[in-house]
Amino acid sequence: MNEPIIGITMGDAAGIGAEIIVKALADKAISETCKPIVIGDAKMLEKMIRILGLSSKTHPVESVEEAYFQEGTIDCLDLDLLPNDIQFGELSPVAGDAAFRYLEKAISLAKSRRIDAICTAPLNKEALHMGGHNYPGHTEILAELTGTQDYAMMLSSPLLRVILVTIHVGLLKAVELITPDRVYKTIYLANHVLHEMGFAQPKIAVCGINPHAGEGGLFGCREEEEKIVPAIRRALQEGMAVSGPHPADTVFYWATQGIYDIVVATYHDQGLIPIKTLSIKTGVNITVGLPLIRTSVDHGTAFDIAGKGIADAEGMKSAIRQATELANHKRNSETQVYSSAHL
């Protein structure tokens, strides 16, 4: 088998990470298209298998090369960081630190090309901070540990794709951070990742910041004219199919109708509210601009239902499928480049 190896990090062990991983990997369609290996603690997978009453077996390993990649067996690169009495639904600095260590290990494996992509279960930001890692979330950890300066969060679903200019900052800070250069780089990254996904000429729409995209300066302080329009002009000069700034109250609808392939949202909630409203169970978070592939579920740790066996795993399945598709496309692209170079 030549399927891509997908490293799945467990996230915060007190949340629903282990549950959605076990459920997703019990789906035969997943094991038929990729080689999944969990990076986490095998004891948590075993606990969830018992809670769910599944017939799956865990296979703890110390290296990717030891994995079986067999249906019905969950290979786990067992870092063994958690105590046996870890409690579901409770904030824990130990679980927060472990979530960071799982991701750190996955990044190392991806950089050395021992896995083809990373797919992450959710972590809890408060527990992460309690564990001594002061990052806003996965995206910023990935950027720092890979030395990436220009990156963005993209959310993909069957109906809508969104990429963010600013991520985990307050609204006033977000407006301050929006600059023509930052908007341009986000447009560029959107164009690049959609090319990687097979779009020949991606159609990109850029949101305004103010109601009705400023209404020609009527609303706001001409942020659209000063911060967004110059970026769009630059991207157009470079041949990108980009338009805007568009009013945020209508552009997402037109994107769901196929008019646009992706929407550039200027701040977190502007982009995440529509995509989570449409696709809370199937949305996938993709970190764009990294030297590796990373996808994630588009939801949190759900401490309120953790350990109860009722979490929905469709988001995890979607994230694994998206990681697999991106890994296959990257592999094909590299093969084509290699073949062309030897003609």
C-alpha atoms as a PDB file:
ATOM      1  CA  MET A   1       0.000   0.000   0.000  1.00  0.00           C
ATOM      2  CA  ASN A   2       1.186   3.497  -0.869  1.00  0.00           C
ATOM      3  CA  GLU A   3      -1.426   5.477   1.030  1.00  0.00           C
ATOM      4  CA  PRO A   4      -0.171   8.580   2.894  1.00  0.00           C
ATOM      5  CA  ILE A   5       0.688   8.266   6.575  1.00  0.00           C
ATOM      6  CA  ILE A   6      -1.468  10.638   8.636  1.00  0.00           C
ATOM      7  CA  GLY A   7      -0.265  11.490  12.149  1.00  0.00           C
ATOM      8  CA  ILE A   8      -3.301  12.171  14.353  1.00  0.00           C
ATOM      9  CA  THR A   9      -2.548  14.074  17.560  1.00  0.00           C
ATOM     10  CA  MET A  10      -4.805  13.317  20.508  1.00  0.00           C
ATOM     11  CA  GLY A  11      -5.218  16.909  21.691  1.00  0.00           C
ATOM     12  CA  ASP A  12      -6.387  17.468  25.272  1.00  0.00           C
ATOM     13  CA  ALA A  13      -6.953  14.029  26.777  1.00  0.00           C
ATOM     14  CA  ALA A  14      -9.630  15.375  29.142  1.00  0.00           C
ATOM     15  CA  GLY A  15     -11.757  16.297  26.137  1.00  0.00           C
ATOM     16  CA  ILE A  16     -13.340  14.319  23.325  1.00  0.00           C
ATOM     17  CA  GLY A  17     -10.133  13.813  21.315  1.00  0.00           C
ATOM     18  CA  ALA A  18      -9.636  10.128  22.086  1.00  0.00           C
ATOM     19  CA  GLU A  19     -13.310   9.387  21.487  1.00  0.00           C
ATOM     20  CA  ILE A  20     -13.580  11.006  18.064  1.00  0.00           C
ATOM     21  CA  ILE A  21     -10.284   9.421  17.004  1.00  0.00           C
ATOM     22  CA  VAL A  22     -11.394   5.915  18.007  1.00  0.00           C
ATOM     23  CA  LYS A  23     -14.760   6.376  16.292  1.00  0.00           C
ATOM     24  CA  ALA A  24     -13.196   7.796  13.131  1.00  0.00           C
ATOM     25  CA  LEU A  25     -10.629   5.008  12.859  1.00  0.00           C
ATOM     26  CA  ALA A  26     -13.356   2.397  13.260  1.00  0.00           C
ATOM     27  CA  ASP A  27     -14.662   3.562   9.872  1.00  0.00           C
ATOM     28  CA  LYS A  28     -13.332   1.187   7.210  1.00  0.00           C
ATOM     29  CA  ALA A  29     -13.344   3.982   4.617  1.00  0.00           C
ATOM     30  CA  ILE A  30     -10.614   5.796   6.568  1.00  0.00           C
ATOM     31  CA  SER A  31      -8.212   2.854   6.742  1.00  0.00           C
ATOM     32  CA  GLU A  32      -8.747   2.143   3.052  1.00  0.00           C
ATOM     33  CA  THR A  33      -7.492   5.562   1.947  1.00  0.00           C
ATOM     34  CA  CYS A  34      -4.659   6.371   4.383  1.00  0.00           C
ATOM     35  CA  LYS A  35      -2.347   4.947   7.035  1.00  0.00           C
ATOM     36  CA  PRO A  36      -3.363   6.601  10.327  1.00  0.00           C
ATOM     37  CA  ILE A  37      -1.148   6.632  13.386  1.00  0.00           C
ATOM     38  CA  VAL A  38      -2.220   8.314  16.626  1.00  0.00           C
ATOM     39  CA  ILE A  39       0.317  10.412  18.525  1.00  0.00           C
ATOM     40  CA  GLY A  40      -0.729  10.447  22.150  1.00  0.00           C
ATOM     41  CA  ASP A  41      -1.306   8.077  25.057  1.00  0.00           C
ATOM     42  CA  ALA A  42      -2.435   4.538  24.273  1.00  0.00           C
ATOM     43  CA  LYS A  43      -4.146   4.234  27.668  1.00  0.00           C
ATOM     44  CA  MET A  44      -6.708   6.883  26.668  1.00  0.00           C
ATOM     45  CA  LEU A  45      -7.528   5.086  23.431  1.00  0.00           C
ATOM     46  CA  GLU A  46      -7.971   1.824  25.331  1.00  0.00           C
ATOM     47  CA  LYS A  47     -10.221   3.550  27.859  1.00  0.00           C
ATOM     48  CA  MET A  48     -12.426   4.944  25.084  1.00  0.00           C
ATOM     49  CA  ILE A  49     -12.606   1.593  23.273  1.00  0.00           C
ATOM     50  CA  ARG A  50     -13.958   0.076  26.510  1.00  0.00           C
ATOM     51  CA  ILE A  51     -16.443   2.926  27.032  1.00  0.00           C
ATOM     52  CA  LEU A  52     -17.704   2.617  23.443  1.00  0.00           C
ATOM     53  CA  GLY A  53     -17.763  -1.190  23.499  1.00  0.00           C
ATOM     54  CA  LEU A  54     -15.845  -1.457  20.238  1.00  0.00           C
ATOM     55  CA  SER A  55     -13.778  -4.407  19.053  1.00  0.00           C
ATOM     56  CA  SER A  56     -10.841  -2.231  18.022  1.00  0.00           C
ATOM     57  CA  LYS A  57      -7.403  -3.000  19.433  1.00  0.00           C
ATOM     58  CA  THR A  58      -4.572  -0.605  20.199  1.00  0.00           C
ATOM     59  CA  HIS A  59      -1.017  -1.209  19.087  1.00  0.00           C
ATOM     60  CA  PRO A  60       1.411   0.977  21.090  1.00  0.00           C
ATOM     61  CA  VAL A  61       4.632   1.671  19.171  1.00  0.00           C
ATOM     62  CA  GLU A  62       7.810   3.652  19.696  1.00  0.00           C
ATOM     63  CA  SER A  63       8.285   4.599  16.044  1.00  0.00           C
ATOM     64  CA  VAL A  64       6.194   5.015  12.902  1.00  0.00           C
ATOM     65  CA  GLU A  65       8.078   2.119  11.327  1.00  0.00           C
ATOM     66  CA  GLU A  66       6.617  -0.288  13.910  1.00  0.00           C
ATOM     67  CA  ALA A  67       3.005   0.478  12.939  1.00  0.00           C
ATOM     68  CA  TYR A  68       0.847  -2.320  11.497  1.00  0.00           C
ATOM     69  CA  PHE A  69      -1.638  -0.126   9.582  1.00  0.00           C
ATOM     70  CA  GLN A  70      -4.250  -2.876   9.723  1.00  0.00           C
ATOM     71  CA  GLU A  71      -8.009  -2.510   9.839  1.00  0.00           C
ATOM     72  CA  GLY A  72      -9.330  -2.926  13.378  1.00  0.00           C
ATOM     73  CA  THR A  73      -5.998  -1.978  14.954  1.00  0.00           C
ATOM     74  CA  ILE A  74      -5.200   1.553  16.120  1.00  0.00           C
ATOM     75  CA  ASP A  75      -1.475   2.203  15.952  1.00  0.00           C
ATOM     76  CA  CYS A  76      -0.411   4.669  18.633  1.00  0.00           C
ATOM     77  CA  LEU A  77       2.963   6.340  18.992  1.00  0.00           C
ATOM     78  CA  ASP A  78       2.645   6.127  22.752  1.00  0.00           C
ATOM     79  CA  LEU A  79       4.304   9.080  24.521  1.00  0.00           C
ATOM     80  CA  ASP A  80       2.869   7.858  27.858  1.00  0.00           C
ATOM     81  CA  LEU A  81       2.605  11.328  29.395  1.00  0.00           C
ATOM     82  CA  LEU A  82      -0.630  11.003  31.355  1.00  0.00           C
ATOM     83  CA  PRO A  83      -1.456   9.538  34.761  1.00  0.00           C
ATOM     84  CA  ASN A  84      -3.969   6.696  34.873  1.00  0.00           C
ATOM     85  CA  ASP A  85      -6.471   8.778  36.834  1.00  0.00           C
ATOM     86  CA  ILE A  86      -6.836  11.634  34.320  1.00  0.00           C
ATOM     87  CA  GLN A  87     -10.456  12.828  34.518  1.00  0.00           C
ATOM     88  CA  PHE A  88     -12.639  13.620  31.517  1.00  0.00           C
ATOM     89  CA  GLY A  89     -14.086  17.122  31.475  1.00  0.00           C
ATOM     90  CA  GLU A  90     -11.636  18.661  33.942  1.00  0.00           C
ATOM     91  CA  LEU A  91      -8.960  21.255  33.271  1.00  0.00           C
ATOM     92  CA  SER A  92      -5.532  19.753  33.797  1.00  0.00           C
ATOM     93  CA  PRO A  93      -2.063  21.265  33.357  1.00  0.00           C
ATOM     94  CA  VAL A  94      -0.757  17.745  32.715  1.00  0.00           C
ATOM     95  CA  ALA A  95      -3.230  17.253  29.857  1.00  0.00           C
ATOM     96  CA  GLY A  96      -2.433  20.736  28.536  1.00  0.00           C
ATOM     97  CA  ASP A  97       1.294  20.001  28.486  1.00  0.00           C
ATOM     98  CA  ALA A  98       0.702  16.586  26.910  1.00  0.00           C
ATOM     99  CA  ALA A  99      -1.351  18.145  24.109  1.00  0.00           C
ATOM    100  CA  PHE A 100       1.606  20.385  23.302  1.00  0.00           C
ATOM    101  CA  ARG A 101       4.040  17.439  23.385  1.00  0.00           C
ATOM    102  CA  TYR A 102       1.875  15.383  21.016  1.00  0.00           C
ATOM    103  CA  LEU A 103       1.886  18.233  18.490  1.00  0.00           C
ATOM    104  CA  GLU A 104       5.594  18.864  18.965  1.00  0.00           C
ATOM    105  CA  LYS A 105       6.285  15.198  18.163  1.00  0.00           C
ATOM    106  CA  ALA A 106       4.013  15.250  15.128  1.00  0.00           C
ATOM    107  CA  ILE A 107       5.755  18.331  13.740  1.00  0.00           C
ATOM    108  CA  SER A 108       9.125  16.625  14.146  1.00  0.00           C
ATOM    109  CA  LEU A 109       7.857  13.548  12.286  1.00  0.00           C
ATOM    110  CA  ALA A 110       6.387  15.630   9.475  1.00  0.00           C
ATOM    111  CA  LYS A 111       9.546  17.708   9.079  1.00  0.00           C
ATOM    112  CA  SER A 112      11.583  14.504   8.753  1.00  0.00           C
ATOM    113  CA  ARG A 113       8.961  13.160   6.284  1.00  0.00           C
ATOM    114  CA  ARG A 114       8.172  10.109   8.406  1.00  0.00           C
ATOM    115  CA  ILE A 115       4.519  11.108   8.206  1.00  0.00           C
ATOM    116  CA  ASP A 116       2.828  12.831   5.262  1.00  0.00           C
ATOM    117  CA  ALA A 117       0.401  15.065   7.159  1.00  0.00           C
ATOM    118  CA  ILE A 118      -0.790  16.046  10.625  1.00  0.00           C
ATOM    119  CA  CYS A 119      -4.421  15.931  11.722  1.00  0.00           C
ATOM    120  CA  THR A 120      -5.127  17.371  15.163  1.00  0.00           C
ATOM    121  CA  ALA A 121      -7.839  16.677  17.715  1.00  0.00           C
ATOM    122  CA  PRO A 122      -8.794  19.776  19.742  1.00  0.00           C
ATOM    123  CA  LEU A 123      -6.771  21.156  22.622  1.00  0.00           C
ATOM    124  CA  ASN A 124      -8.016  23.374  25.435  1.00  0.00           C
ATOM    125  CA  LYS A 125      -6.321  26.774  25.452  1.00  0.00           C
ATOM    126  CA  GLU A 126      -6.716  27.291  29.207  1.00  0.00           C
ATOM    127  CA  ALA A 127      -5.204  23.882  29.972  1.00  0.00           C
ATOM    128  CA  LEU A 128      -2.440  24.577  27.441  1.00  0.00           C
ATOM    129  CA  HIS A 129      -1.545  27.761  29.333  1.00  0.00           C
ATOM    130  CA  MET A 130      -1.772  25.958  32.683  1.00  0.00           C
ATOM    131  CA  GLY A 131       0.719  23.449  31.266  1.00  0.00           C
ATOM    132  CA  GLY A 132       3.219  26.236  30.609  1.00  0.00           C
ATOM    133  CA  HIS A 133       2.646  26.873  26.890  1.00  0.00           C
ATOM    134  CA  ASN A 134       1.359  30.386  26.276  1.00  0.00           C
ATOM    135  CA  TYR A 135       0.038  30.110  22.740  1.00  0.00           C
ATOM    136  CA  PRO A 136      -3.396  31.155  21.473  1.00  0.00           C
ATOM    137  CA  GLY A 137      -3.826  27.737  19.836  1.00  0.00           C
ATOM    138  CA  HIS A 138      -2.562  25.066  17.462  1.00  0.00           C
ATOM    139  CA  THR A 139      -1.944  27.460  14.579  1.00  0.00           C
ATOM    140  CA  GLU A 140       0.546  29.620  16.428  1.00  0.00           C
ATOM    141  CA  ILE A 141       2.418  26.587  17.815  1.00  0.00           C
ATOM    142  CA  LEU A 142       2.750  25.148  14.325  1.00  0.00           C
ATOM    143  CA  ALA A 143       4.001  28.458  12.951  1.00  0.00           C
ATOM    144  CA  GLU A 144       6.650  28.892  15.645  1.00  0.00           C
ATOM    145  CA  LEU A 145       7.921  25.311  15.617  1.00  0.00           C
ATOM    146  CA  THR A 146       8.251  25.348  11.827  1.00  0.00           C
ATOM    147  CA  GLY A 147       9.735  28.847  11.644  1.00  0.00           C
ATOM    148  CA  THR A 148       6.834  30.100   9.518  1.00  0.00           C
ATOM    149  CA  GLN A 149       6.135  33.846   9.370  1.00  0.00           C
ATOM    150  CA  ASP A 150       3.384  34.057   6.742  1.00  0.00           C
ATOM    151  CA  TYR A 151       0.534  31.709   7.582  1.00  0.00           C
ATOM    152  CA  ALA A 152      -3.223  31.740   7.856  1.00  0.00           C
ATOM    153  CA  MET A 153      -6.140  29.736   9.191  1.00  0.00           C
ATOM    154  CA  MET A 154      -8.401  28.334   6.509  1.00  0.00           C
ATOM    155  CA  LEU A 155     -11.739  26.643   7.178  1.00  0.00           C
ATOM    156  CA  SER A 156     -13.068  24.276   4.544  1.00  0.00           C
ATOM    157  CA  SER A 157     -16.472  22.610   4.297  1.00  0.00           C
ATOM    158  CA  PRO A 158     -18.619  21.112   1.536  1.00  0.00           C
ATOM    159  CA  LEU A 159     -20.443  24.444   1.132  1.00  0.00           C
ATOM    160  CA  LEU A 160     -17.904  27.137   1.982  1.00  0.00           C
ATOM    161  CA  ARG A 161     -14.198  27.924   2.333  1.00  0.00           C
ATOM    162  CA  VAL A 162     -12.932  30.809   4.447  1.00  0.00           C
ATOM    163  CA  ILE A 163      -9.436  32.111   5.185  1.00  0.00           C
ATOM    164  CA  LEU A 164      -8.686  34.639   7.938  1.00  0.00           C
ATOM    165  CA  VAL A 165      -6.520  37.763   7.822  1.00  0.00           C
ATOM    166  CA  THR A 166      -6.380  37.896  11.637  1.00  0.00           C
ATOM    167  CA  ILE A 167      -7.028  35.022  14.012  1.00  0.00           C
ATOM    168  CA  HIS A 168      -7.111  34.885  17.813  1.00  0.00           C
ATOM    169  CA  VAL A 169      -7.135  38.554  18.806  1.00  0.00           C
ATOM    170  CA  GLY A 170      -9.795  40.963  20.050  1.00  0.00           C
ATOM    171  CA  LEU A 171     -11.770  42.988  17.533  1.00  0.00           C
ATOM    172  CA  LEU A 172     -10.028  46.317  18.165  1.00  0.00           C
ATOM    173  CA  LYS A 173      -6.620  44.639  17.867  1.00  0.00           C
ATOM    174  CA  ALA A 174      -7.735  42.844  14.700  1.00  0.00           C
ATOM    175  CA  VAL A 175      -8.606  46.113  12.948  1.00  0.00           C
ATOM    176  CA  GLU A 176      -5.214  47.491  13.977  1.00  0.00           C
ATOM    177  CA  LEU A 177      -3.420  44.413  12.598  1.00  0.00           C
ATOM    178  CA  ILE A 178      -5.175  44.513   9.223  1.00  0.00           C
ATOM    179  CA  THR A 179      -2.745  46.108   6.759  1.00  0.00           C
ATOM    180  CA  PRO A 180      -2.509  46.032   2.950  1.00  0.00           C
ATOM    181  CA  ASP A 181       0.493  43.718   3.187  1.00  0.00           C
ATOM    182  CA  ARG A 182      -1.261  41.321   5.559  1.00  0.00           C
ATOM    183  CA  VAL A 183      -4.390  41.242   3.394  1.00  0.00           C
ATOM    184  CA  TYR A 184      -2.301  40.626   0.272  1.00  0.00           C
ATOM    185  CA  LYS A 185      -0.410  37.764   1.917  1.00  0.00           C
ATOM    186  CA  THR A 186      -3.711  36.148   2.925  1.00  0.00           C
ATOM    187  CA  ILE A 187      -5.031  36.444  -0.647  1.00  0.00           C
ATOM    188  CA  TYR A 188      -1.767  34.943  -1.901  1.00  0.00           C
ATOM    189  CA  LEU A 189      -1.997  32.035   0.547  1.00  0.00           C
ATOM    190  CA  ALA A 190      -5.637  31.408  -0.423  1.00  0.00           C
ATOM    191  CA  ASN A 191      -4.674  31.322  -4.094  1.00  0.00           C
ATOM    192  CA  HIS A 192      -1.733  29.021  -3.368  1.00  0.00           C
ATOM    193  CA  VAL A 193      -3.599  26.448  -1.267  1.00  0.00           C
ATOM    194  CA  LEU A 194      -6.496  26.248  -3.707  1.00  0.00           C
ATOM    195  CA  HIS A 195      -4.001  25.607  -6.499  1.00  0.00           C
ATOM    196  CA  GLU A 196      -2.680  22.768  -4.325  1.00  0.00           C
ATOM    197  CA  MET A 197      -6.246  21.474  -4.030  1.00  0.00           C
ATOM    198  CA  GLY A 198      -6.622  21.371  -7.810  1.00  0.00           C
ATOM    199  CA  PHE A 199      -8.237  24.732  -8.674  1.00  0.00           C
ATOM    200  CA  ALA A 200      -6.718  26.126 -11.893  1.00  0.00           C
ATOM    201  CA  GLN A 201      -7.808  29.750 -11.250  1.00  0.00           C
ATOM    202  CA  PRO A 202      -9.383  30.129  -7.798  1.00  0.00           C
ATOM    203  CA  LYS A 203     -12.086  32.789  -7.505  1.00  0.00           C
ATOM    204  CA  ILE A 204     -11.327  34.779  -4.334  1.00  0.00           C
ATOM    205  CA  ALA A 205     -13.652  37.251  -2.601  1.00  0.00           C
ATOM    206  CA  VAL A 206     -12.374  39.657   0.074  1.00  0.00           C
ATOM    207  CA  CYS A 207     -14.661  40.909   2.851  1.00  0.00           C
ATOM    208  CA  GLY A 208     -14.837  44.490   3.960  1.00  0.00           C
ATOM    209  CA  ILE A 209     -14.339  45.339   7.629  1.00  0.00           C
ATOM    210  CA  ASN A 210     -17.302  47.665   8.193  1.00  0.00           C
ATOM    211  CA  PRO A 211     -21.022  47.164   7.487  1.00  0.00           C
ATOM    212  CA  HIS A 212     -21.680  47.183   3.729  1.00  0.00           C
ATOM    213  CA  ALA A 213     -17.890  47.226   3.210  1.00  0.00           C
ATOM    214  CA  GLY A 214     -17.838  50.825   4.415  1.00  0.00           C
ATOM    215  CA  GLU A 215     -20.446  52.092   1.920  1.00  0.00           C
ATOM    216  CA  GLY A 216     -17.881  54.304   0.190  1.00  0.00           C
ATOM    217  CA  GLY A 217     -16.607  55.755   3.454  1.00  0.00           C
ATOM    218  CA  LEU A 218     -20.033  56.269   5.060  1.00  0.00           C
ATOM    219  CA  PHE A 219     -19.284  53.660   7.759  1.00  0.00           C
ATOM    220  CA  GLY A 220     -15.977  53.462   9.572  1.00  0.00           C
ATOM    221  CA  CYS A 221     -12.841  55.476   8.853  1.00  0.00           C
ATOM    222  CA  ARG A 222     -12.176  54.393   5.261  1.00  0.00           C
ATOM    223  CA  GLU A 223     -10.516  51.169   6.405  1.00  0.00           C
ATOM    224  CA  GLU A 224     -11.558  49.418   3.193  1.00  0.00           C
ATOM    225  CA  GLU A 225      -9.888  52.031   0.984  1.00  0.00           C
ATOM    226  CA  GLU A 226      -6.724  52.170   3.070  1.00  0.00           C
ATOM    227  CA  LYS A 227      -6.266  48.567   4.205  1.00  0.00           C
ATOM    228  CA  ILE A 228      -7.979  46.290   1.670  1.00  0.00           C
ATOM    229  CA  VAL A 229      -8.207  47.924  -1.767  1.00  0.00           C
ATOM    230  CA  PRO A 230      -4.406  48.252  -2.212  1.00  0.00           C
ATOM    231  CA  ALA A 231      -3.989  44.520  -1.480  1.00  0.00           C
ATOM    232  CA  ILE A 232      -6.648  43.567  -4.014  1.00  0.00           C
ATOM    233  CA  ARG A 233      -5.049  45.766  -6.670  1.00  0.00           C
ATOM    234  CA  ARG A 234      -1.666  44.149  -6.052  1.00  0.00           C
ATOM    235  CA  ALA A 235      -3.120  40.650  -6.305  1.00  0.00           C
ATOM    236  CA  LEU A 236      -4.967  41.544  -9.513  1.00  0.00           C
ATOM    237  CA  GLN A 237      -1.738  42.855 -11.031  1.00  0.00           C
ATOM    238  CA  GLU A 238      -0.179  39.452 -10.313  1.00  0.00           C
ATOM    239  CA  GLY A 239      -2.958  37.654 -12.155  1.00  0.00           C
ATOM    240  CA  MET A 240      -5.070  36.413  -9.236  1.00  0.00           C
ATOM    241  CA  ALA A 241      -8.863  36.229  -9.707  1.00  0.00           C
ATOM    242  CA  VAL A 242      -9.778  38.344  -6.679  1.00  0.00           C
ATOM    243  CA  SER A 243     -12.562  40.852  -6.048  1.00  0.00           C
ATOM    244  CA  GLY A 244     -13.841  43.078  -3.267  1.00  0.00           C
ATOM    245  CA  PRO A 245     -14.099  44.433  -0.715  1.00  0.00           C
ATOM    246  CA  HIS A 246     -17.517  42.809  -0.460  1.00  0.00           C
ATOM    247  CA  PRO A 247     -20.139  43.297   2.267  1.00  0.00           C
ATOM    248  CA  ALA A 248     -19.790  40.416   4.730  1.00  0.00           C
ATOM    249  CA  ASP A 249     -23.555  40.078   5.094  1.00  0.00           C
ATOM    250  CA  THR A 250     -23.942  38.736   1.533  1.00  0.00           C
ATOM    251  CA  VAL A 251     -20.591  37.461   0.234  1.00  0.00           C
ATOM    252  CA  PHE A 252     -20.709  34.176   2.137  1.00  0.00           C
ATOM    253  CA  TYR A 253     -24.060  33.356   0.549  1.00  0.00           C
ATOM    254  CA  TRP A 254     -22.691  33.937  -2.944  1.00  0.00           C
ATOM    255  CA  ALA A 255     -19.725  31.719  -2.103  1.00  0.00           C
ATOM    256  CA  THR A 256     -22.091  28.882  -1.155  1.00  0.00           C
ATOM    257  CA  GLN A 257     -23.681  29.314  -4.583  1.00  0.00           C
ATOM    258  CA  GLY A 258     -20.344  28.733  -6.317  1.00  0.00           C
ATOM    259  CA  ILE A 259     -19.697  32.345  -7.343  1.00  0.00           C
ATOM    260  CA  TYR A 260     -16.492  32.325  -5.270  1.00  0.00           C
ATOM    261  CA  ASP A 261     -14.204  29.444  -4.285  1.00  0.00           C
ATOM    262  CA  ILE A 262     -13.018  31.057  -1.061  1.00  0.00           C
ATOM    263  CA  VAL A 263     -13.768  34.131   1.053  1.00  0.00           C
ATOM    264  CA  VAL A 264     -11.023  36.150   2.754  1.00  0.00           C
ATOM    265  CA  ALA A 265     -12.481  37.243   6.112  1.00  0.00           C
ATOM    266  CA  THR A 266     -10.771  40.074   7.948  1.00  0.00           C
ATOM    267  CA  TYR A 267     -11.291  38.850  11.516  1.00  0.00           C
ATOM    268  CA  HIS A 268     -12.107  35.652  13.393  1.00  0.00           C
ATOM    269  CA  ASP A 269     -15.862  35.791  13.966  1.00  0.00           C
ATOM    270  CA  GLN A 270     -16.591  37.361  10.585  1.00  0.00           C
ATOM    271  CA  GLY A 271     -15.392  34.150   8.959  1.00  0.00           C
ATOM    272  CA  LEU A 272     -16.122  31.488  11.545  1.00  0.00           C
ATOM    273  CA  ILE A 273     -19.753  32.323  12.273  1.00  0.00           C
ATOM    274  CA  PRO A 274     -20.983  31.521   8.741  1.00  0.00           C
ATOM    275  CA  ILE A 275     -18.884  28.398   8.286  1.00  0.00           C
ATOM    276  CA  LYS A 276     -19.743  26.959  11.690  1.00  0.00           C
ATOM    277  CA  THR A 277     -23.412  27.757  11.153  1.00  0.00           C
ATOM    278  CA  LEU A 278     -23.350  25.810   7.900  1.00  0.00           C
ATOM    279  CA  SER A 279     -20.891  23.033   8.767  1.00  0.00           C
ATOM    280  CA  ILE A 280     -20.242  22.706  12.497  1.00  0.00           C
ATOM    281  CA  LYS A 281     -19.932  18.901  12.154  1.00  0.00           C
ATOM    282  CA  THR A 282     -17.963  18.687   8.917  1.00  0.00           C
ATOM    283  CA  GLY A 283     -15.839  21.843   8.784  1.00  0.00           C
ATOM    284  CA  VAL A 284     -12.076  21.341   8.601  1.00  0.00           C
ATOM    285  CA  ASN A 285      -9.394  23.734   9.823  1.00  0.00           C
ATOM    286  CA  ILE A 286      -6.331  23.880   7.542  1.00  0.00           C
ATOM    287  CA  THR A 287      -3.201  25.837   8.468  1.00  0.00           C
ATOM    288  CA  VAL A 288      -1.992  27.447   5.256  1.00  0.00           C
ATOM    289  CA  GLY A 289       1.588  28.546   4.583  1.00  0.00           C
ATOM    290  CA  LEU A 290       3.364  25.850   6.628  1.00  0.00           C
ATOM    291  CA  PRO A 291       6.088  23.622   5.157  1.00  0.00           C
ATOM    292  CA  LEU A 292       3.861  20.675   6.139  1.00  0.00           C
ATOM    293  CA  ILE A 293       0.198  19.683   5.912  1.00  0.00           C
ATOM    294  CA  ARG A 294      -2.004  20.210   8.949  1.00  0.00           C
ATOM    295  CA  THR A 295      -5.752  19.793   9.233  1.00  0.00           C
ATOM    296  CA  SER A 296      -7.995  19.773  12.281  1.00  0.00           C
ATOM    297  CA  VAL A 297     -11.561  19.439  13.411  1.00  0.00           C
ATOM    298  CA  ASP A 298     -13.441  22.728  13.535  1.00  0.00           C
ATOM    299  CA  HIS A 299     -14.678  22.372  17.117  1.00  0.00           C
ATOM    300  CA  GLY A 300     -13.367  22.375  20.659  1.00  0.00           C
ATOM    301  CA  THR A 301     -12.707  19.854  23.409  1.00  0.00           C
ATOM    302  CA  ALA A 302     -16.379  19.651  24.504  1.00  0.00           C
ATOM    303  CA  PHE A 303     -15.562  19.024  28.167  1.00  0.00           C
ATOM    304  CA  ASP A 304     -19.306  18.905  28.918  1.00  0.00           C
ATOM    305  CA  ILE A 305     -19.741  15.605  27.044  1.00  0.00           C
ATOM    306  CA  ALA A 306     -16.215  14.174  27.305  1.00  0.00           C
ATOM    307  CA  GLY A 307     -16.073  10.526  28.329  1.00  0.00           C
ATOM    308  CA  LYS A 308     -19.791   9.948  27.737  1.00  0.00           C
ATOM    309  CA  GLY A 309     -19.450   8.238  24.379  1.00  0.00           C
ATOM    310  CA  ILE A 310     -21.814  10.635  22.579  1.00  0.00           C
ATOM    311  CA  ALA A 311     -19.366  12.869  20.658  1.00  0.00           C
ATOM    312  CA  ASP A 312     -19.853  13.139  16.894  1.00  0.00           C
ATOM    313  CA  ALA A 313     -16.786  12.001  14.919  1.00  0.00           C
ATOM    314  CA  GLU A 314     -17.820  13.333  11.485  1.00  0.00           C
ATOM    315  CA  GLY A 315     -15.544  16.359  11.877  1.00  0.00           C
ATOM    316  CA  MET A 316     -12.557  14.129  12.599  1.00  0.00           C
ATOM    317  CA  LYS A 317     -13.363  11.937   9.604  1.00  0.00           C
ATOM    318  CA  SER A 318     -13.559  15.034   7.416  1.00  0.00           C
ATOM    319  CA  ALA A 319     -10.235  16.326   8.759  1.00  0.00           C
ATOM    320  CA  ILE A 320      -8.506  12.989   8.089  1.00  0.00           C
ATOM    321  CA  ARG A 321      -9.977  12.844   4.581  1.00  0.00           C
ATOM    322  CA  GLN A 322      -8.820  16.408   3.861  1.00  0.00           C
ATOM    323  CA  ALA A 323      -5.309  15.650   5.139  1.00  0.00           C
ATOM    324  CA  THR A 324      -5.238  12.567   2.919  1.00  0.00           C
ATOM    325  CA  GLU A 325      -6.352  14.509  -0.165  1.00  0.00           C
ATOM    326  CA  LEU A 326      -3.766  17.238   0.413  1.00  0.00           C
ATOM    327  CA  ALA A 327      -1.014  14.667   0.992  1.00  0.00           C
ATOM    328  CA  ASN A 328      -1.920  12.816  -2.206  1.00  0.00           C
ATOM    329  CA  HIS A 329      -2.004  16.037  -4.208  1.00  0.00           C
ATOM    330  CA  LYS A 330       1.364  17.119  -2.784  1.00  0.00           C
ATOM    331  CA  ARG A 331       2.872  13.728  -3.613  1.00  0.00           C
ATOM    332  CA  ASN A 332       1.517  13.871  -7.172  1.00  0.00           C
ATOM    333  CA  SER A 333       2.808  17.416  -7.628  1.00  0.00           C
ATOM    334  CA  GLU A 334       6.274  16.435  -6.443  1.00  0.00           C
ATOM    335  CA  THR A 335       6.253  13.434  -8.781  1.00  0.00           C
ATOM    336  CA  GLN A 336       5.302  15.645 -11.725  1.00  0.00           C
ATOM    337  CA  VAL A 337       8.047  18.151 -10.902  1.00  0.00           C
ATOM    338  CA  TYR A 338      10.595  15.344 -10.611  1.00  0.00           C
ATOM    339  CA  SER A 339       9.450  13.775 -13.884  1.00  0.00           C
ATOM    340  CA  SER A 340       9.576  17.127 -15.704  1.00  0.00           C
ATOM    341  CA  ALA A 341      13.070  17.815 -14.414  1.00  0.00           C
ATOM    342  CA  HIS A 342      14.291  14.530 -15.957  1.00  0.00           C
ATOM    343  CA  LEU A 343      12.729  14.898 -19.392  1.00  0.00           C
END
